[in-house]
Amino acid sequence: MIAVLMMLRPLRIEYPDAWYHVMNRERRADVIFPGAQNYDLFNELLKEIAGMWTIRIAANGLMPDHYHMLAHPPRS
């Protein structure tokens, strides 16, 4: 039998009109953006998705193994 260990994060505290720092890092520090073309593709997808979900992105930073962004979700 294989045991799966899941790391659950606590629920996010939400505030009206809050901006959120969003980040995602590759688990083993492997490169996920190997070149400029990958950065451009990520930015194009981010624009498309932000438009679909009406999320405002104030800033984003891409590094070879992770990204950060400052995002404002729509009001629910």
PDB file of N, CA and C in Angstrom:
ATOM      1  N   MET A   1       0.845  -1.184   0.000  1.00  0.00           N
ATOM      2  CA  MET A   1       0.000   0.000   0.000  1.00  0.00           C
ATOM      3  C   MET A   1       0.888   1.244   0.000  1.00  0.00           C
ATOM      4  N   ILE A   2       0.539   2.207  -0.803  1.00  0.00           N
ATOM      5  CA  ILE A   2       1.290   3.456  -0.897  1.00  0.00           C
ATOM      6  C   ILE A   2       0.549   4.528  -0.110  1.00  0.00           C
ATOM      7  N   ALA A   3       1.269   5.139   0.810  1.00  0.00           N
ATOM      8  CA  ALA A   3       0.667   6.219   1.600  1.00  0.00           C
ATOM      9  C   ALA A   3       0.958   7.549   0.914  1.00  0.00           C
ATOM     10  N   VAL A   4      -0.046   8.385   0.865  1.00  0.00           N
ATOM     11  CA  VAL A   4       0.101   9.708   0.265  1.00  0.00           C
ATOM     12  C   VAL A   4       0.009  10.739   1.382  1.00  0.00           C
ATOM     13  N   LEU A   5       1.030  11.578   1.471  1.00  0.00           N
ATOM     14  CA  LEU A   5       1.047  12.628   2.478  1.00  0.00           C
ATOM     15  C   LEU A   5       0.662  13.933   1.810  1.00  0.00           C
ATOM     16  N   MET A   6      -0.381  14.560   2.296  1.00  0.00           N
ATOM     17  CA  MET A   6      -0.836  15.823   1.714  1.00  0.00           C
ATOM     18  C   MET A   6      -0.576  16.940   2.709  1.00  0.00           C
ATOM     19  N   MET A   7      -0.044  18.027   2.201  1.00  0.00           N
ATOM     20  CA  MET A   7       0.155  19.206   3.036  1.00  0.00           C
ATOM     21  C   MET A   7      -1.001  20.160   2.781  1.00  0.00           C
ATOM     22  N   LEU A   8      -1.844  20.293   3.745  1.00  0.00           N
ATOM     23  CA  LEU A   8      -2.983  21.193   3.604  1.00  0.00           C
ATOM     24  C   LEU A   8      -2.629  22.538   4.201  1.00  0.00           C
ATOM     25  N   ARG A   9      -3.026  23.585   3.529  1.00  0.00           N
ATOM     26  CA  ARG A   9      -2.782  24.915   4.061  1.00  0.00           C
ATOM     27  C   ARG A   9      -4.032  25.384   4.787  1.00  0.00           C
ATOM     28  N   PRO A  10      -3.875  26.280   5.739  1.00  0.00           N
ATOM     29  CA  PRO A  10      -5.056  26.827   6.408  1.00  0.00           C
ATOM     30  C   PRO A  10      -5.887  27.636   5.423  1.00  0.00           C
ATOM     31  N   LEU A  11      -7.157  27.799   5.730  1.00  0.00           N
ATOM     32  CA  LEU A  11      -8.026  28.596   4.879  1.00  0.00           C
ATOM     33  C   LEU A  11      -7.498  30.016   4.783  1.00  0.00           C
ATOM     34  N   ARG A  12      -7.619  30.598   3.610  1.00  0.00           N
ATOM     35  CA  ARG A  12      -7.158  31.970   3.399  1.00  0.00           C
ATOM     36  C   ARG A  12      -8.132  32.931   4.082  1.00  0.00           C
ATOM     37  N   ILE A  13      -7.573  33.896   4.761  1.00  0.00           N
ATOM     38  CA  ILE A  13      -8.392  34.953   5.344  1.00  0.00           C
ATOM     39  C   ILE A  13      -8.667  35.956   4.231  1.00  0.00           C
ATOM     40  N   GLU A  14      -9.920  36.252   3.994  1.00  0.00           N
ATOM     41  CA  GLU A  14     -10.290  37.155   2.912  1.00  0.00           C
ATOM     42  C   GLU A  14     -10.758  38.487   3.479  1.00  0.00           C
ATOM     43  N   TYR A  15     -10.303  39.561   2.841  1.00  0.00           N
ATOM     44  CA  TYR A  15     -10.696  40.909   3.200  1.00  0.00           C
ATOM     45  C   TYR A  15     -11.296  41.579   1.972  1.00  0.00           C
ATOM     46  N   PRO A  16     -12.274  42.463   2.150  1.00  0.00           N
ATOM     47  CA  PRO A  16     -12.819  43.194   0.998  1.00  0.00           C
ATOM     48  C   PRO A  16     -11.718  44.015   0.325  1.00  0.00           C
ATOM     49  N   ASP A  17     -11.683  43.970  -0.990  1.00  0.00           N
ATOM     50  CA  ASP A  17     -10.727  44.727  -1.801  1.00  0.00           C
ATOM     51  C   ASP A  17      -9.266  44.406  -1.505  1.00  0.00           C
ATOM     52  N   ALA A  18      -8.973  43.228  -0.991  1.00  0.00           N
ATOM     53  CA  ALA A  18      -7.592  42.838  -0.678  1.00  0.00           C
ATOM     54  C   ALA A  18      -6.841  42.428  -1.942  1.00  0.00           C
ATOM     55  N   TRP A  19      -5.551  42.662  -1.936  1.00  0.00           N
ATOM     56  CA  TRP A  19      -4.648  42.172  -2.976  1.00  0.00           C
ATOM     57  C   TRP A  19      -3.901  41.003  -2.368  1.00  0.00           C
ATOM     58  N   TYR A  20      -3.627  39.979  -3.176  1.00  0.00           N
ATOM     59  CA  TYR A  20      -2.982  38.766  -2.680  1.00  0.00           C
ATOM     60  C   TYR A  20      -1.659  38.510  -3.384  1.00  0.00           C
ATOM     61  N   HIS A  21      -0.679  38.103  -2.585  1.00  0.00           N
ATOM     62  CA  HIS A  21       0.597  37.669  -3.130  1.00  0.00           C
ATOM     63  C   HIS A  21       0.439  36.187  -3.471  1.00  0.00           C
ATOM     64  N   VAL A  22       0.553  35.875  -4.752  1.00  0.00           N
ATOM     65  CA  VAL A  22       0.403  34.493  -5.234  1.00  0.00           C
ATOM     66  C   VAL A  22       1.771  34.042  -5.707  1.00  0.00           C
ATOM     67  N   MET A  23       2.173  32.849  -5.291  1.00  0.00           N
ATOM     68  CA  MET A  23       3.447  32.324  -5.771  1.00  0.00           C
ATOM     69  C   MET A  23       3.350  30.817  -5.913  1.00  0.00           C
ATOM     70  N   ASN A  24       4.184  30.300  -6.792  1.00  0.00           N
ATOM     71  CA  ASN A  24       4.258  28.860  -6.989  1.00  0.00           C
ATOM     72  C   ASN A  24       5.701  28.538  -7.344  1.00  0.00           C
ATOM     73  N   ARG A  25       6.249  27.558  -6.662  1.00  0.00           N
ATOM     74  CA  ARG A  25       7.646  27.192  -6.854  1.00  0.00           C
ATOM     75  C   ARG A  25       7.720  25.709  -7.211  1.00  0.00           C
ATOM     76  N   GLU A  26       8.623  25.375  -8.109  1.00  0.00           N
ATOM     77  CA  GLU A  26       8.845  23.973  -8.473  1.00  0.00           C
ATOM     78  C   GLU A  26       9.460  23.282  -7.263  1.00  0.00           C
ATOM     79  N   ARG A  27       8.943  22.144  -6.948  1.00  0.00           N
ATOM     80  CA  ARG A  27       9.287  21.441  -5.709  1.00  0.00           C
ATOM     81  C   ARG A  27      10.773  21.161  -5.547  1.00  0.00           C
ATOM     82  N   ARG A  28      11.458  20.779  -6.616  1.00  0.00           N
ATOM     83  CA  ARG A  28      12.872  20.415  -6.516  1.00  0.00           C
ATOM     84  C   ARG A  28      13.778  21.476  -7.124  1.00  0.00           C
ATOM     85  N   ALA A  29      13.277  22.665  -7.300  1.00  0.00           N
ATOM     86  CA  ALA A  29      14.020  23.768  -7.920  1.00  0.00           C
ATOM     87  C   ALA A  29      14.406  23.452  -9.363  1.00  0.00           C
ATOM     88  N   ASP A  30      13.656  22.550 -10.019  1.00  0.00           N
ATOM     89  CA  ASP A  30      13.869  22.302 -11.439  1.00  0.00           C
ATOM     90  C   ASP A  30      13.395  23.518 -12.228  1.00  0.00           C
ATOM     91  N   VAL A  31      13.963  23.707 -13.385  1.00  0.00           N
ATOM     92  CA  VAL A  31      13.597  24.836 -14.234  1.00  0.00           C
ATOM     93  C   VAL A  31      12.247  24.571 -14.902  1.00  0.00           C
ATOM     94  N   ILE A  32      11.309  25.506 -14.736  1.00  0.00           N
ATOM     95  CA  ILE A  32      10.008  25.382 -15.415  1.00  0.00           C
ATOM     96  C   ILE A  32       9.865  26.411 -16.531  1.00  0.00           C
ATOM     97  N   PHE A  33      10.718  27.429 -16.523  1.00  0.00           N
ATOM     98  CA  PHE A  33      10.757  28.426 -17.590  1.00  0.00           C
ATOM     99  C   PHE A  33      12.166  28.419 -18.188  1.00  0.00           C
ATOM    100  N   PRO A  34      12.445  27.515 -19.131  1.00  0.00           N
ATOM    101  CA  PRO A  34      13.814  27.400 -19.637  1.00  0.00           C
ATOM    102  C   PRO A  34      14.256  28.505 -20.593  1.00  0.00           C
ATOM    103  N   GLY A  35      13.358  29.373 -21.016  1.00  0.00           N
ATOM    104  CA  GLY A  35      13.789  30.423 -21.934  1.00  0.00           C
ATOM    105  C   GLY A  35      12.753  31.517 -22.077  1.00  0.00           C
ATOM    106  N   ALA A  36      13.122  32.547 -22.816  1.00  0.00           N
ATOM    107  CA  ALA A  36      12.259  33.716 -22.999  1.00  0.00           C
ATOM    108  C   ALA A  36      10.907  33.352 -23.608  1.00  0.00           C
ATOM    109  N   GLN A  37      10.886  32.380 -24.503  1.00  0.00           N
ATOM    110  CA  GLN A  37       9.622  31.977 -25.130  1.00  0.00           C
ATOM    111  C   GLN A  37       8.640  31.454 -24.083  1.00  0.00           C
ATOM    112  N   ASN A  38       9.151  30.751 -23.077  1.00  0.00           N
ATOM    113  CA  ASN A  38       8.292  30.237 -22.017  1.00  0.00           C
ATOM    114  C   ASN A  38       7.740  31.361 -21.139  1.00  0.00           C
ATOM    115  N   TYR A  39       8.567  32.378 -20.870  1.00  0.00           N
ATOM    116  CA  TYR A  39       8.095  33.537 -20.111  1.00  0.00           C
ATOM    117  C   TYR A  39       6.980  34.242 -20.880  1.00  0.00           C
ATOM    118  N   ASP A  40       7.184  34.431 -22.179  1.00  0.00           N
ATOM    119  CA  ASP A  40       6.172  35.099 -23.009  1.00  0.00           C
ATOM    120  C   ASP A  40       4.870  34.313 -23.024  1.00  0.00           C
ATOM    121  N   LEU A  41       4.952  32.994 -23.158  1.00  0.00           N
ATOM    122  CA  LEU A  41       3.753  32.152 -23.167  1.00  0.00           C
ATOM    123  C   LEU A  41       3.016  32.242 -21.837  1.00  0.00           C
ATOM    124  N   PHE A  42       3.754  32.191 -20.731  1.00  0.00           N
ATOM    125  CA  PHE A  42       3.131  32.308 -19.412  1.00  0.00           C
ATOM    126  C   PHE A  42       2.397  33.638 -19.289  1.00  0.00           C
ATOM    127  N   ASN A  43       3.056  34.733 -19.701  1.00  0.00           N
ATOM    128  CA  ASN A  43       2.417  36.050 -19.610  1.00  0.00           C
ATOM    129  C   ASN A  43       1.167  36.141 -20.472  1.00  0.00           C
ATOM    130  N   GLU A  44       1.186  35.569 -21.674  1.00  0.00           N
ATOM    131  CA  GLU A  44       0.003  35.567 -22.538  1.00  0.00           C
ATOM    132  C   GLU A  44      -1.135  34.766 -21.907  1.00  0.00           C
ATOM    133  N   LEU A  45      -0.815  33.602 -21.358  1.00  0.00           N
ATOM    134  CA  LEU A  45      -1.841  32.790 -20.686  1.00  0.00           C
ATOM    135  C   LEU A  45      -2.385  33.506 -19.453  1.00  0.00           C
ATOM    136  N   LEU A  46      -1.509  34.166 -18.713  1.00  0.00           N
ATOM    137  CA  LEU A  46      -1.941  34.902 -17.530  1.00  0.00           C
ATOM    138  C   LEU A  46      -2.921  36.005 -17.909  1.00  0.00           C
ATOM    139  N   LYS A  47      -2.636  36.742 -18.975  1.00  0.00           N
ATOM    140  CA  LYS A  47      -3.555  37.783 -19.444  1.00  0.00           C
ATOM    141  C   LYS A  47      -4.910  37.191 -19.823  1.00  0.00           C
ATOM    142  N   GLU A  48      -4.885  36.081 -20.547  1.00  0.00           N
ATOM    143  CA  GLU A  48      -6.131  35.448 -20.987  1.00  0.00           C
ATOM    144  C   GLU A  48      -6.955  34.965 -19.794  1.00  0.00           C
ATOM    145  N   ILE A  49      -6.310  34.306 -18.866  1.00  0.00           N
ATOM    146  CA  ILE A  49      -7.019  33.766 -17.698  1.00  0.00           C
ATOM    147  C   ILE A  49      -7.533  34.896 -16.807  1.00  0.00           C
ATOM    148  N   ALA A  50      -6.718  35.926 -16.605  1.00  0.00           N
ATOM    149  CA  ALA A  50      -7.153  37.066 -15.789  1.00  0.00           C
ATOM    150  C   ALA A  50      -8.387  37.719 -16.401  1.00  0.00           C
ATOM    151  N   GLY A  51      -8.427  37.809 -17.731  1.00  0.00           N
ATOM    152  CA  GLY A  51      -9.603  38.361 -18.398  1.00  0.00           C
ATOM    153  C   GLY A  51     -10.827  37.480 -18.246  1.00  0.00           C
ATOM    154  N   MET A  52     -10.636  36.182 -18.341  1.00  0.00           N
ATOM    155  CA  MET A  52     -11.758  35.239 -18.203  1.00  0.00           C
ATOM    156  C   MET A  52     -12.381  35.301 -16.811  1.00  0.00           C
ATOM    157  N   TRP A  53     -11.544  35.466 -15.789  1.00  0.00           N
ATOM    158  CA  TRP A  53     -12.017  35.420 -14.410  1.00  0.00           C
ATOM    159  C   TRP A  53     -12.084  36.807 -13.768  1.00  0.00           C
ATOM    160  N   THR A  54     -11.881  37.852 -14.539  1.00  0.00           N
ATOM    161  CA  THR A  54     -11.863  39.247 -14.066  1.00  0.00           C
ATOM    162  C   THR A  54     -10.965  39.436 -12.840  1.00  0.00           C
ATOM    163  N   ILE A  55      -9.781  38.893 -12.931  1.00  0.00           N
ATOM    164  CA  ILE A  55      -8.763  39.067 -11.895  1.00  0.00           C
ATOM    165  C   ILE A  55      -7.818  40.160 -12.358  1.00  0.00           C
ATOM    166  N   ARG A  56      -7.547  41.110 -11.482  1.00  0.00           N
ATOM    167  CA  ARG A  56      -6.587  42.167 -11.819  1.00  0.00           C
ATOM    168  C   ARG A  56      -5.201  41.738 -11.347  1.00  0.00           C
ATOM    169  N   ILE A  57      -4.225  41.864 -12.221  1.00  0.00           N
ATOM    170  CA  ILE A  57      -2.843  41.542 -11.891  1.00  0.00           C
ATOM    171  C   ILE A  57      -2.059  42.851 -11.901  1.00  0.00           C
ATOM    172  N   ALA A  58      -1.511  43.236 -10.748  1.00  0.00           N
ATOM    173  CA  ALA A  58      -0.761  44.486 -10.665  1.00  0.00           C
ATOM    174  C   ALA A  58       0.693  44.281 -11.041  1.00  0.00           C
ATOM    175  N   ALA A  59       1.234  43.120 -10.721  1.00  0.00           N
ATOM    176  CA  ALA A  59       2.641  42.844 -11.010  1.00  0.00           C
ATOM    177  C   ALA A  59       2.855  41.343 -11.007  1.00  0.00           C
ATOM    178  N   ASN A  60       3.835  40.917 -11.780  1.00  0.00           N
ATOM    179  CA  ASN A  60       4.241  39.523 -11.687  1.00  0.00           C
ATOM    180  C   ASN A  60       5.730  39.433 -11.965  1.00  0.00           C
ATOM    181  N   GLY A  61       6.336  38.429 -11.370  1.00  0.00           N
ATOM    182  CA  GLY A  61       7.769  38.198 -11.557  1.00  0.00           C
ATOM    183  C   GLY A  61       7.993  36.731 -11.853  1.00  0.00           C
ATOM    184  N   LEU A  62       8.745  36.461 -12.906  1.00  0.00           N
ATOM    185  CA  LEU A  62       9.009  35.079 -13.300  1.00  0.00           C
ATOM    186  C   LEU A  62      10.493  34.784 -13.137  1.00  0.00           C
ATOM    187  N   MET A  63      10.794  33.708 -12.451  1.00  0.00           N
ATOM    188  CA  MET A  63      12.150  33.218 -12.311  1.00  0.00           C
ATOM    189  C   MET A  63      12.190  31.826 -12.938  1.00  0.00           C
ATOM    190  N   PRO A  64      13.363  31.273 -13.209  1.00  0.00           N
ATOM    191  CA  PRO A  64      13.416  29.966 -13.879  1.00  0.00           C
ATOM    192  C   PRO A  64      12.624  28.864 -13.173  1.00  0.00           C
ATOM    193  N   ASP A  65      12.547  28.893 -11.830  1.00  0.00           N
ATOM    194  CA  ASP A  65      11.884  27.806 -11.112  1.00  0.00           C
ATOM    195  C   ASP A  65      10.632  28.213 -10.339  1.00  0.00           C
ATOM    196  N   HIS A  66      10.197  29.474 -10.452  1.00  0.00           N
ATOM    197  CA  HIS A  66       8.984  29.882  -9.741  1.00  0.00           C
ATOM    198  C   HIS A  66       8.480  31.230 -10.262  1.00  0.00           C
ATOM    199  N   TYR A  67       7.294  31.605  -9.772  1.00  0.00           N
ATOM    200  CA  TYR A  67       6.744  32.920 -10.126  1.00  0.00           C
ATOM    201  C   TYR A  67       6.068  33.541  -8.915  1.00  0.00           C
ATOM    202  N   HIS A  68       5.911  34.841  -8.963  1.00  0.00           N
ATOM    203  CA  HIS A  68       5.175  35.610  -7.966  1.00  0.00           C
ATOM    204  C   HIS A  68       4.229  36.528  -8.724  1.00  0.00           C
ATOM    205  N   MET A  69       3.105  36.843  -8.127  1.00  0.00           N
ATOM    206  CA  MET A  69       2.237  37.873  -8.702  1.00  0.00           C
ATOM    207  C   MET A  69       1.425  38.535  -7.601  1.00  0.00           C
ATOM    208  N   LEU A  70       0.998  39.740  -7.879  1.00  0.00           N
ATOM    209  CA  LEU A  70       0.116  40.481  -6.986  1.00  0.00           C
ATOM    210  C   LEU A  70      -1.238  40.544  -7.681  1.00  0.00           C
ATOM    211  N   ALA A  71      -2.226  39.869  -7.104  1.00  0.00           N
ATOM    212  CA  ALA A  71      -3.515  39.692  -7.779  1.00  0.00           C
ATOM    213  C   ALA A  71      -4.663  40.195  -6.897  1.00  0.00           C
ATOM    214  N   HIS A  72      -5.670  40.722  -7.575  1.00  0.00           N
ATOM    215  CA  HIS A  72      -6.891  41.210  -6.913  1.00  0.00           C
ATOM    216  C   HIS A  72      -8.062  40.435  -7.512  1.00  0.00           C
ATOM    217  N   PRO A  73      -8.646  39.506  -6.749  1.00  0.00           N
ATOM    218  CA  PRO A  73      -9.769  38.727  -7.287  1.00  0.00           C
ATOM    219  C   PRO A  73     -11.048  39.561  -7.338  1.00  0.00           C
ATOM    220  N   PRO A  74     -11.987  39.130  -8.167  1.00  0.00           N
ATOM    221  CA  PRO A  74     -13.279  39.851  -8.228  1.00  0.00           C
ATOM    222  C   PRO A  74     -14.044  39.681  -6.929  1.00  0.00           C
ATOM    223  N   ARG A  75     -14.933  40.604  -6.678  1.00  0.00           N
ATOM    224  CA  ARG A  75     -15.795  40.459  -5.503  1.00  0.00           C
ATOM    225  C   ARG A  75     -16.786  39.342  -5.722  1.00  0.00           C
ATOM    226  N   SER A  76     -17.046  38.580  -4.659  1.00  0.00           N
ATOM    227  CA  SER A  76     -18.024  37.479  -4.794  1.00  0.00           C
ATOM    228  C   SER A  76     -19.385  37.886  -4.334  1.00  0.00           C
TER     229      SER A  76
END
